[in-house]
Amino acid sequence: MNASSRGRGWLAAWLAAGLLGSQVPAFAQETAPSTAEVVVAIKRRAQQILEERRRAKRLRVSWDISQLVGYESNPANGPDHIGDTYFEQSVYGTFSKKLAPTITWQGIYSGSYDNYVEYGDGDYMSHTLTPVKLLWQPGRMWRVDTGADFNITYYPRSKGSNYRDLKPFVGVRQNLWGTWFQTARYEWFIRDYISKQARDGNSAETLSNRVDTRHRLRYELGTTWQEALLKVKQEWYSHDSNDARNDFYDAQDYKVTASVNRNLTEKFSANASYSFERKNYEHRPVTGITAEARYDDTQTWTVAGTYDFNNTWSFAPSFSYKFLDSNEPTGEYVDTTITGTLSARF
């Protein structure tokens, strides 16, 4: 090969390399973003994160309005079974705002009015306001909430039952292994009966209103199994009153409840529960017996469901059966309740 041929070969190789070299960057420019595009994408993502944080910090409001129609076989909870139909209108509102990445404030209002067709003494109106409820979630495993409820309840035809109360509370939830979780809660309330005087040991009314206090502890253990939510809850409370007539209202109460909830279809969910409650009165005497205080055992079976028509409307039927057994025969009763509730959420 002569020099001119070798020169032409090197020239062809150089031109081919240049051509390929010019094509590779062109191809890379079409597939890889430029520095300016990367900067724009980063800014766009930062703006999205900022908007998400702003939305999380905004005040969120939701309302539930319900109309219930029910029949109760023994609304007076007495030995005579006299049934009656009743209606309940209720409203429930929540307000929430994120104060910090792990702290959320909530305000809650709930109100209801129950009206019996014939059993007028059972009519009542109740309002509960929780102006401050703080939720603290430091991680995925723990959640703590604390706050206080203010309640006032009126009985238009039974004014001696009217009361107002204050109930501070604190609770904690822990996620355990798998789908298991546990919760614990402590509540204390002080209840002032607006139109009812406390009695002394001789059953005479004093100048002071009747005032009750209660300490309550709750513990709950739950899990999800076969798409069903299973829970067992244990409750205990100690009730004390300044009404000194045989310390009529002082009692210790123990209650255990087992429940199961499962979605049967995309729109319908069902739940069932059973509870057993033992109430030991400290000094309330039993008729004809002076050495033994009264106790009550209450068993309750409940079956209920919820059908969601859409994101706003739902209907919830329920059936419950309650039986109270006592060493005071005059206090025993059976009560059956059937209800249907139509609710709207906004």
Protein backbone atom coordinates (compact mmCIF):
# COMPACT_ATOMS: atom_id res chain seq x y z
CA MET A 1 0.00 0.00 0.00
CA ASN A 2 1.45 3.38 -0.94
CA ALA A 3 1.45 6.49 1.19
CA SER A 4 -1.45 8.13 -0.64
CA SER A 5 -3.62 5.03 -0.09
CA ARG A 6 -2.72 4.95 3.61
CA GLY A 7 -3.53 8.66 3.86
CA ARG A 8 -6.90 8.17 2.25
CA GLY A 9 -7.62 5.28 4.70
CA TRP A 10 -6.75 7.36 7.74
CA LEU A 11 -8.87 10.21 6.41
CA ALA A 12 -11.89 7.91 5.93
CA ALA A 13 -11.46 6.49 9.45
CA TRP A 14 -11.19 9.98 10.92
CA LEU A 15 -14.33 11.16 9.09
CA ALA A 16 -16.28 8.06 10.22
CA ALA A 17 -15.21 8.58 13.82
CA GLY A 18 -16.20 12.20 13.65
CA LEU A 19 -19.55 11.33 12.18
CA LEU A 20 -20.24 8.74 14.90
CA GLY A 21 -18.99 11.10 17.58
CA SER A 22 -21.33 13.82 16.39
CA GLN A 23 -24.28 11.44 16.28
CA VAL A 24 -23.86 9.99 19.83
CA PRO A 25 -24.12 13.34 21.64
CA ALA A 26 -27.14 14.20 19.45
CA PHE A 27 -28.84 10.95 20.47
CA ALA A 28 -27.92 11.49 24.12
CA GLN A 29 -29.35 14.99 24.03
CA GLU A 30 -32.69 13.60 22.88
CA THR A 31 -32.91 11.05 25.74
CA ALA A 32 -31.16 12.66 28.71
CA PRO A 33 -32.53 15.92 30.20
CA SER A 34 -30.39 18.96 30.14
CA THR A 35 -29.19 20.70 33.27
CA ALA A 36 -31.88 23.34 32.86
CA GLU A 37 -34.59 20.68 32.59
CA VAL A 38 -33.31 18.96 35.72
CA VAL A 39 -33.43 22.24 37.63
CA VAL A 40 -37.00 22.88 36.43
CA ALA A 41 -38.07 19.37 37.51
CA ILE A 42 -36.51 19.83 40.96
CA LYS A 43 -38.28 23.15 41.40
CA ARG A 44 -41.58 21.63 40.27
CA ARG A 45 -41.26 18.77 42.78
CA ALA A 46 -40.32 21.17 45.56
CA GLN A 47 -43.41 23.24 44.75
CA GLN A 48 -45.59 20.11 44.90
CA ILE A 49 -44.17 19.16 48.29
CA LEU A 50 -44.78 22.69 49.54
CA GLU A 51 -48.39 22.61 48.32
CA GLU A 52 -48.96 19.24 49.99
CA ARG A 53 -47.64 20.63 53.27
CA ARG A 54 -49.82 23.71 52.93
CA ARG A 55 -52.90 21.57 52.29
CA ALA A 56 -52.07 19.43 55.30
CA LYS A 57 -51.89 22.55 57.49
CA ARG A 58 -55.22 23.92 56.28
CA LEU A 59 -58.33 23.62 58.43
CA ARG A 60 -60.31 20.54 57.44
CA VAL A 61 -64.02 20.31 58.22
CA SER A 62 -66.42 17.39 57.89
CA TRP A 63 -70.03 16.89 59.01
CA ASP A 64 -72.27 13.86 59.53
CA ILE A 65 -76.04 14.30 59.80
CA SER A 66 -78.19 11.31 60.75
CA GLN A 67 -81.84 10.43 61.18
CA LEU A 68 -82.63 7.32 63.22
CA VAL A 69 -85.95 5.54 63.61
CA GLY A 70 -86.16 2.78 66.19
CA TYR A 71 -88.34 0.61 68.34
CA GLU A 72 -87.39 -0.22 71.93
CA SER A 73 -89.26 -2.92 73.83
CA ASN A 74 -88.46 -1.52 77.29
CA PRO A 75 -87.26 2.10 77.19
CA ALA A 76 -87.86 2.59 80.93
CA ASN A 77 -85.59 -0.37 81.76
CA GLY A 78 -88.19 -1.64 84.19
CA PRO A 79 -89.84 -4.99 84.91
CA ASP A 80 -92.86 -3.96 82.83
CA HIS A 81 -92.21 -4.41 79.11
CA ILE A 82 -93.90 -1.42 77.48
CA GLY A 83 -92.42 -0.78 74.02
CA ASP A 84 -92.27 2.50 72.18
CA THR A 85 -91.05 3.97 68.89
CA TYR A 86 -88.49 6.73 69.02
CA PHE A 87 -86.69 9.10 66.68
CA GLU A 88 -83.18 10.48 66.96
CA GLN A 89 -81.73 13.39 65.03
CA SER A 90 -77.98 13.80 65.38
CA VAL A 91 -75.14 15.86 63.97
CA TYR A 92 -71.40 15.27 64.27
CA GLY A 93 -68.74 17.73 63.15
CA THR A 94 -64.94 17.53 63.17
CA PHE A 95 -62.38 20.27 62.60
CA SER A 96 -58.71 19.42 62.23
CA LYS A 97 -55.48 21.25 61.50
CA LYS A 98 -51.89 20.03 61.45
CA LEU A 99 -49.83 22.12 63.86
CA ALA A 100 -46.54 20.30 63.23
CA PRO A 101 -45.41 17.28 61.20
CA THR A 102 -46.32 14.94 64.09
CA ILE A 103 -49.02 16.96 65.93
CA THR A 104 -52.63 17.53 64.82
CA TRP A 105 -55.34 19.57 66.53
CA GLN A 106 -58.97 18.50 66.41
CA GLY A 107 -62.18 20.14 67.52
CA ILE A 108 -65.33 18.04 67.73
CA TYR A 109 -69.03 18.78 68.21
CA SER A 110 -71.80 16.22 68.53
CA GLY A 111 -75.45 16.82 69.28
CA SER A 112 -78.56 14.66 69.35
CA TYR A 113 -82.23 14.80 70.20
CA ASP A 114 -84.17 11.65 71.11
CA ASN A 115 -87.95 11.73 71.09
CA TYR A 116 -90.24 8.86 72.14
CA VAL A 117 -93.78 8.76 70.82
CA GLU A 118 -95.34 7.87 74.19
CA TYR A 119 -92.57 7.49 76.78
CA GLY A 120 -92.06 11.20 77.36
CA ASP A 121 -89.65 10.83 80.30
CA GLY A 122 -87.13 9.29 77.92
CA ASP A 123 -86.88 12.37 75.67
CA TYR A 124 -83.55 14.14 75.93
CA MET A 125 -81.22 16.55 74.13
CA SER A 126 -77.45 16.25 74.41
CA HIS A 127 -74.60 18.52 73.27
CA THR A 128 -70.92 17.59 73.54
CA LEU A 129 -68.05 19.89 72.61
CA THR A 130 -64.39 18.93 72.46
CA PRO A 131 -62.62 22.24 71.80
CA VAL A 132 -59.10 20.80 72.07
CA LYS A 133 -58.00 17.31 71.13
CA LEU A 134 -54.32 16.85 70.30
CA LEU A 135 -53.03 13.88 68.31
CA TRP A 136 -49.32 13.13 68.50
CA GLN A 137 -47.88 10.49 66.15
CA PRO A 138 -44.09 10.35 66.63
CA GLY A 139 -43.75 7.32 64.34
CA ARG A 140 -45.60 4.48 62.68
CA MET A 141 -45.79 2.45 65.88
CA TRP A 142 -47.29 4.96 68.32
CA ARG A 143 -50.14 7.45 68.52
CA VAL A 144 -51.15 9.50 71.57
CA ASP A 145 -54.27 11.66 71.97
CA THR A 146 -55.45 13.89 74.79
CA GLY A 147 -58.19 16.47 75.32
CA ALA A 148 -61.37 17.26 77.24
CA ASP A 149 -65.11 16.92 76.53
CA PHE A 150 -67.79 19.31 77.76
CA ASN A 151 -71.34 17.93 77.79
CA ILE A 152 -74.77 19.18 78.74
CA THR A 153 -77.87 16.96 78.64
CA TYR A 154 -81.50 18.03 79.10
CA TYR A 155 -84.56 15.89 79.82
CA PRO A 156 -87.55 18.16 79.07
CA ARG A 157 -90.02 16.04 81.10
CA SER A 158 -87.62 14.77 83.75
CA LYS A 159 -85.66 17.81 84.89
CA GLY A 160 -84.12 16.02 87.86
CA SER A 161 -81.99 14.08 85.36
CA ASN A 162 -80.48 17.17 83.69
CA TYR A 163 -76.71 17.34 84.03
CA ARG A 164 -73.50 18.87 82.71
CA ASP A 165 -70.09 17.30 82.89
CA LEU A 166 -66.42 17.78 82.12
CA LYS A 167 -64.35 14.79 80.96
CA PRO A 168 -60.58 15.05 80.37
CA PHE A 169 -58.94 12.01 78.78
CA VAL A 170 -55.66 10.61 77.48
CA GLY A 171 -55.12 7.58 75.25
CA VAL A 172 -52.32 5.73 73.50
CA ARG A 173 -52.26 3.23 70.63
CA GLN A 174 -49.37 0.94 69.72
CA ASN A 175 -49.04 -1.09 66.53
CA LEU A 176 -47.66 -4.52 67.37
CA TRP A 177 -46.44 -7.34 65.12
CA GLY A 178 -48.27 -7.91 61.84
CA THR A 179 -51.80 -6.48 62.02
CA TRP A 180 -52.05 -6.61 65.81
CA PHE A 181 -52.54 -3.44 67.84
CA GLN A 182 -53.38 -2.40 71.37
CA THR A 183 -54.86 0.75 72.91
CA ALA A 184 -55.15 2.06 76.46
CA ARG A 185 -57.23 4.98 77.67
CA TYR A 186 -57.91 6.84 80.90
CA GLU A 187 -60.90 9.15 81.47
CA TRP A 188 -62.14 11.12 84.44
CA PHE A 189 -65.34 13.10 84.64
CA ILE A 190 -67.15 15.30 87.08
CA ARG A 191 -70.93 15.55 86.57
CA ASP A 192 -73.14 18.21 88.11
CA TYR A 193 -76.90 17.57 88.22
CA ILE A 194 -78.44 20.95 87.51
CA SER A 195 -81.85 20.44 89.13
CA LYS A 196 -81.23 17.66 91.63
CA GLN A 197 -80.04 18.02 95.21
CA ALA A 198 -77.81 15.51 96.96
CA ARG A 199 -79.36 13.67 99.90
CA ASP A 200 -77.93 13.08 103.33
CA GLY A 201 -77.88 9.77 105.21
CA ASN A 202 -81.48 10.28 106.31
CA SER A 203 -82.69 10.77 102.69
CA ALA A 204 -83.29 14.52 103.24
CA GLU A 205 -82.25 16.85 100.44
CA THR A 206 -79.23 19.04 101.12
CA LEU A 207 -78.51 22.51 99.74
CA SER A 208 -75.88 21.16 97.33
CA ASN A 209 -76.48 19.77 93.87
CA ARG A 210 -75.79 16.10 93.34
CA VAL A 211 -72.25 15.72 91.94
CA ASP A 212 -70.78 12.48 90.61
CA THR A 213 -67.17 11.68 89.70
CA ARG A 214 -65.86 8.69 87.77
CA HIS A 215 -62.48 7.18 86.90
CA ARG A 216 -62.50 4.92 83.85
CA LEU A 217 -59.77 2.71 82.35
CA ARG A 218 -60.03 0.96 78.97
CA TYR A 219 -57.76 -1.55 77.28
CA GLU A 220 -58.31 -2.94 73.78
CA LEU A 221 -56.50 -5.59 71.75
CA GLY A 222 -57.26 -6.15 68.07
CA THR A 223 -56.11 -7.62 64.79
CA THR A 224 -57.24 -8.28 61.23
CA TRP A 225 -57.85 -11.88 60.21
CA GLN A 226 -59.40 -13.13 56.94
CA GLU A 227 -60.33 -9.50 56.11
CA ALA A 228 -62.24 -9.22 59.40
CA LEU A 229 -61.39 -6.78 62.21
CA LEU A 230 -61.42 -8.57 65.58
CA LYS A 231 -61.31 -6.67 68.88
CA VAL A 232 -61.58 -7.41 72.59
CA LYS A 233 -62.07 -4.49 74.97
CA GLN A 234 -61.84 -4.48 78.76
CA GLU A 235 -63.30 -1.55 80.76
CA TRP A 236 -63.30 -0.68 84.44
CA TYR A 237 -64.68 2.35 86.24
CA SER A 238 -65.22 3.57 89.76
CA HIS A 239 -68.24 5.81 90.32
CA ASP A 240 -68.63 8.06 93.36
CA SER A 241 -71.45 10.44 94.27
CA ASN A 242 -72.03 12.96 97.05
CA ASP A 243 -75.56 11.57 97.45
CA ALA A 244 -75.21 9.92 100.87
CA ARG A 245 -78.51 7.97 100.96
CA ASN A 246 -77.05 4.47 101.34
CA ASP A 247 -74.31 5.67 98.95
CA PHE A 248 -76.93 4.77 96.38
CA TYR A 249 -74.84 5.51 93.26
CA ASP A 250 -71.36 4.43 94.36
CA ALA A 251 -70.24 1.40 92.36
CA GLN A 252 -67.39 -0.50 90.75
CA ASP A 253 -68.02 -1.66 87.18
CA TYR A 254 -66.22 -4.27 85.02
CA LYS A 255 -67.08 -4.86 81.37
CA VAL A 256 -65.63 -6.96 78.55
CA THR A 257 -66.70 -6.67 74.90
CA ALA A 258 -65.78 -8.84 71.92
CA SER A 259 -66.58 -7.61 68.41
CA VAL A 260 -66.02 -8.52 64.76
CA ASN A 261 -66.40 -6.27 61.71
CA ARG A 262 -66.08 -7.32 58.08
CA ASN A 263 -66.86 -5.96 54.62
CA LEU A 264 -69.22 -8.42 52.94
CA THR A 265 -69.41 -6.54 49.65
CA GLU A 266 -67.85 -3.39 48.26
CA LYS A 267 -70.69 -1.33 49.73
CA PHE A 268 -71.94 -3.35 52.71
CA SER A 269 -70.14 -4.06 55.98
CA ALA A 270 -71.46 -6.01 58.97
CA ASN A 271 -70.46 -6.17 62.61
CA ALA A 272 -71.48 -8.18 65.66
CA SER A 273 -70.59 -7.85 69.33
CA TYR A 274 -71.19 -9.39 72.72
CA SER A 275 -70.56 -7.75 76.08
CA PHE A 276 -70.76 -8.81 79.71
CA GLU A 277 -70.85 -6.20 82.46
CA ARG A 278 -70.75 -6.64 86.24
CA LYS A 279 -71.68 -3.67 88.42
CA ASN A 280 -71.00 -3.99 92.13
CA TYR A 281 -72.71 -1.34 94.24
CA GLU A 282 -70.72 -0.54 97.33
CA HIS A 283 -73.55 -0.05 99.83
CA ARG A 284 -76.91 -0.13 98.00
CA PRO A 285 -79.03 -2.62 99.97
CA VAL A 286 -81.05 -5.45 98.49
CA THR A 287 -84.74 -5.65 99.36
CA GLY A 288 -85.18 -7.78 102.48
CA ILE A 289 -81.41 -8.23 102.93
CA THR A 290 -79.34 -5.90 105.08
CA ALA A 291 -75.94 -7.59 104.89
CA GLU A 292 -75.51 -7.73 101.11
CA ALA A 293 -75.04 -4.96 98.59
CA ARG A 294 -76.70 -5.09 95.19
CA TYR A 295 -74.93 -6.26 92.03
CA ASP A 296 -76.10 -6.29 88.40
CA ASP A 297 -74.96 -8.52 85.53
CA THR A 298 -75.79 -7.20 82.05
CA GLN A 299 -75.36 -9.14 78.83
CA THR A 300 -75.79 -7.44 75.44
CA TRP A 301 -75.83 -8.96 71.95
CA THR A 302 -75.71 -6.63 68.94
CA VAL A 303 -75.81 -7.21 65.18
CA ALA A 304 -75.54 -4.25 62.80
CA GLY A 305 -74.52 -3.29 59.28
CA THR A 306 -73.79 -0.30 57.08
CA TYR A 307 -74.63 0.10 53.40
CA ASP A 308 -72.90 2.94 51.54
CA PHE A 309 -74.99 4.20 48.64
CA ASN A 310 -72.18 6.56 47.63
CA ASN A 311 -69.55 8.77 49.28
CA THR A 312 -72.29 10.87 50.92
CA TRP A 313 -75.25 8.67 51.85
CA SER A 314 -75.37 5.49 53.94
CA PHE A 315 -77.94 3.38 55.77
CA ALA A 316 -77.27 1.39 58.95
CA PRO A 317 -79.74 -1.17 60.42
CA SER A 318 -79.09 -2.67 63.86
CA PHE A 319 -80.58 -5.12 66.36
CA SER A 320 -79.61 -5.45 70.02
CA TYR A 321 -80.80 -7.60 72.91
CA LYS A 322 -80.00 -6.70 76.52
CA PHE A 323 -80.66 -8.74 79.65
CA LEU A 324 -79.95 -7.49 83.16
CA ASP A 325 -79.76 -10.07 85.94
CA SER A 326 -79.49 -8.86 89.54
CA ASN A 327 -79.67 -10.04 93.12
CA GLU A 328 -82.34 -7.32 93.42
CA PRO A 329 -85.32 -8.88 91.56
CA THR A 330 -87.09 -5.55 91.12
CA GLY A 331 -84.15 -4.28 89.05
CA GLU A 332 -84.11 -7.04 86.45
CA TYR A 333 -85.26 -6.35 82.90
CA VAL A 334 -85.02 -7.36 79.25
CA ASP A 335 -84.75 -4.82 76.45
CA THR A 336 -84.74 -5.30 72.67
CA THR A 337 -83.97 -2.45 70.27
CA ILE A 338 -84.31 -2.32 66.49
CA THR A 339 -83.10 0.76 64.59
CA GLY A 340 -82.43 2.08 61.12
CA THR A 341 -80.22 5.13 60.56
CA LEU A 342 -79.89 7.22 57.40
CA SER A 343 -76.74 9.36 57.36
CA ALA A 344 -75.20 11.98 55.10
CA ARG A 345 -71.54 13.01 55.20
CA PHE A 346 -70.21 16.30 53.91
